[in-house]
Amino acid sequence: MNKRQFINTAAASMLAMGVLAIAPAAHAESMGKCFGVAKAGQNDCAGLSGLHSCKGTSTVNYNPGDFAVKPTGTCEKLGGLNMEQAKAILKNPDEVKAFEAKMAKHDMS
């Protein structure tokens, strides 16, 4: 391979890598936080309830304070909540228990 071919191949590879690096950013825009759909240990990051601060550390199924990142538009189909709805439910322990029980009944796994 001569020097010119090498440079062309290297430039094409770098260009392709740049295009691939942009793809996850575009994908991330079509995702959103869906509260109340995460099972124990399957939450994404810290929850609203303050019970934990790390991904995968929730101990309760379907806690409205915990979220999982889902494709935009699927949260409502799953019975999940947006952040405002989750904050409202978290103010009342009876509502939290009722929500968790409702989600457990609809669990298809």
Protein backbone atom coordinates (compact mmCIF):
# COMPACT_ATOMS: atom_id res chain seq x y z
CA MET A 1 0.00 0.00 0.00
CA ASN A 2 1.49 3.31 -0.99
CA LYS A 3 1.47 6.45 1.14
CA ARG A 4 -1.50 8.01 -0.68
CA GLN A 5 -3.68 4.90 -0.23
CA PHE A 6 -2.74 4.74 3.43
CA ILE A 7 -3.71 8.38 3.99
CA ASN A 8 -7.00 7.93 2.12
CA THR A 9 -7.84 4.81 4.12
CA ALA A 10 -6.96 6.51 7.41
CA ALA A 11 -9.03 9.58 6.54
CA ALA A 12 -12.04 7.44 5.56
CA SER A 13 -11.76 5.48 8.80
CA MET A 14 -11.64 8.65 10.88
CA LEU A 15 -14.65 10.04 9.04
CA ALA A 16 -16.61 6.83 9.62
CA MET A 17 -15.75 6.89 13.32
CA GLY A 18 -17.01 10.46 13.56
CA VAL A 19 -20.33 9.52 11.97
CA LEU A 20 -20.72 6.57 14.34
CA ALA A 21 -19.97 8.80 17.32
CA ILE A 22 -22.88 11.05 16.38
CA ALA A 23 -25.39 8.17 16.19
CA PRO A 24 -25.69 7.55 19.98
CA ALA A 25 -26.40 11.24 20.55
CA ALA A 26 -29.28 11.14 18.09
CA HIS A 27 -30.55 7.96 19.72
CA ALA A 28 -30.39 9.53 23.19
CA GLU A 29 -32.76 12.28 22.09
CA SER A 30 -35.51 9.71 21.53
CA MET A 31 -35.29 8.32 25.07
CA GLY A 32 -36.82 9.59 28.30
CA LYS A 33 -37.18 8.85 32.00
CA CYS A 34 -40.14 6.64 32.81
CA PHE A 35 -40.94 6.54 36.53
CA GLY A 36 -42.52 3.55 38.23
CA VAL A 37 -41.66 0.89 35.66
CA ALA A 38 -38.29 -0.31 37.01
CA LYS A 39 -38.07 -3.57 38.86
CA ALA A 40 -35.78 -3.95 41.87
CA GLY A 41 -32.18 -3.62 40.75
CA GLN A 42 -33.10 -2.41 37.26
CA ASN A 43 -33.42 1.34 37.87
CA ASP A 44 -31.39 3.89 35.94
CA CYS A 45 -29.48 6.23 38.26
CA ALA A 46 -30.75 7.86 41.45
CA GLY A 47 -34.43 7.99 42.24
CA LEU A 48 -36.67 10.82 43.39
CA SER A 49 -37.33 9.17 46.73
CA GLY A 50 -33.70 9.54 47.87
CA LEU A 51 -33.54 5.91 48.97
CA HIS A 52 -30.49 5.23 46.79
CA SER A 53 -28.11 7.09 44.52
CA CYS A 54 -26.87 4.58 41.98
CA LYS A 55 -28.04 2.65 38.94
CA GLY A 56 -29.27 -0.82 39.76
CA THR A 57 -29.65 -0.28 43.51
CA SER A 58 -33.42 -0.02 43.93
CA THR A 59 -34.85 -2.65 46.26
CA VAL A 60 -38.55 -2.34 45.38
CA ASN A 61 -40.41 -3.20 42.18
CA TYR A 62 -42.26 -0.35 40.48
CA ASN A 63 -41.46 2.38 43.00
CA PRO A 64 -42.77 5.63 41.50
CA GLY A 65 -39.58 7.37 42.59
CA ASP A 66 -37.37 5.11 40.46
CA PHE A 67 -37.07 5.40 36.71
CA ALA A 68 -35.88 3.45 33.72
CA VAL A 69 -34.89 5.11 30.47
CA LYS A 70 -37.33 4.07 27.77
CA PRO A 71 -37.98 5.09 24.15
CA THR A 72 -40.14 8.18 23.88
CA GLY A 73 -43.82 7.28 23.75
CA THR A 74 -43.58 3.90 25.49
CA CYS A 75 -43.79 5.10 29.09
CA GLU A 76 -47.52 5.73 28.99
CA LYS A 77 -48.09 2.34 27.32
CA LEU A 78 -46.22 0.67 30.19
CA GLY A 79 -48.30 2.51 32.79
CA GLY A 80 -45.36 4.65 33.88
CA LEU A 81 -45.27 8.21 35.11
CA ASN A 82 -43.55 11.43 34.14
CA MET A 83 -41.54 13.26 36.80
CA GLU A 84 -44.41 15.52 37.94
CA GLN A 85 -46.78 12.59 38.35
CA ALA A 86 -44.15 10.61 40.27
CA LYS A 87 -43.47 13.52 42.64
CA ALA A 88 -47.20 13.86 43.36
CA ILE A 89 -47.61 10.16 44.17
CA LEU A 90 -44.51 10.10 46.38
CA LYS A 91 -46.14 12.64 48.71
CA ASN A 92 -48.64 10.01 49.89
CA PRO A 93 -47.39 6.59 51.11
CA ASP A 94 -50.81 5.03 50.45
CA GLU A 95 -50.68 6.17 46.81
CA VAL A 96 -47.16 4.72 46.49
CA LYS A 97 -48.35 1.31 47.70
CA ALA A 98 -51.42 1.43 45.47
CA PHE A 99 -49.33 2.33 42.42
CA GLU A 100 -46.80 -0.45 43.10
CA ALA A 101 -49.63 -2.98 43.53
CA LYS A 102 -51.32 -1.84 40.29
CA MET A 103 -48.06 -2.20 38.35
CA ALA A 104 -47.37 -5.64 39.84
CA LYS A 105 -50.77 -6.86 38.61
CA HIS A 106 -49.91 -5.78 35.06
CA ASP A 107 -46.43 -7.35 35.13
CA MET A 108 -46.08 -9.53 32.06
CA SER A 109 -42.64 -11.02 32.76
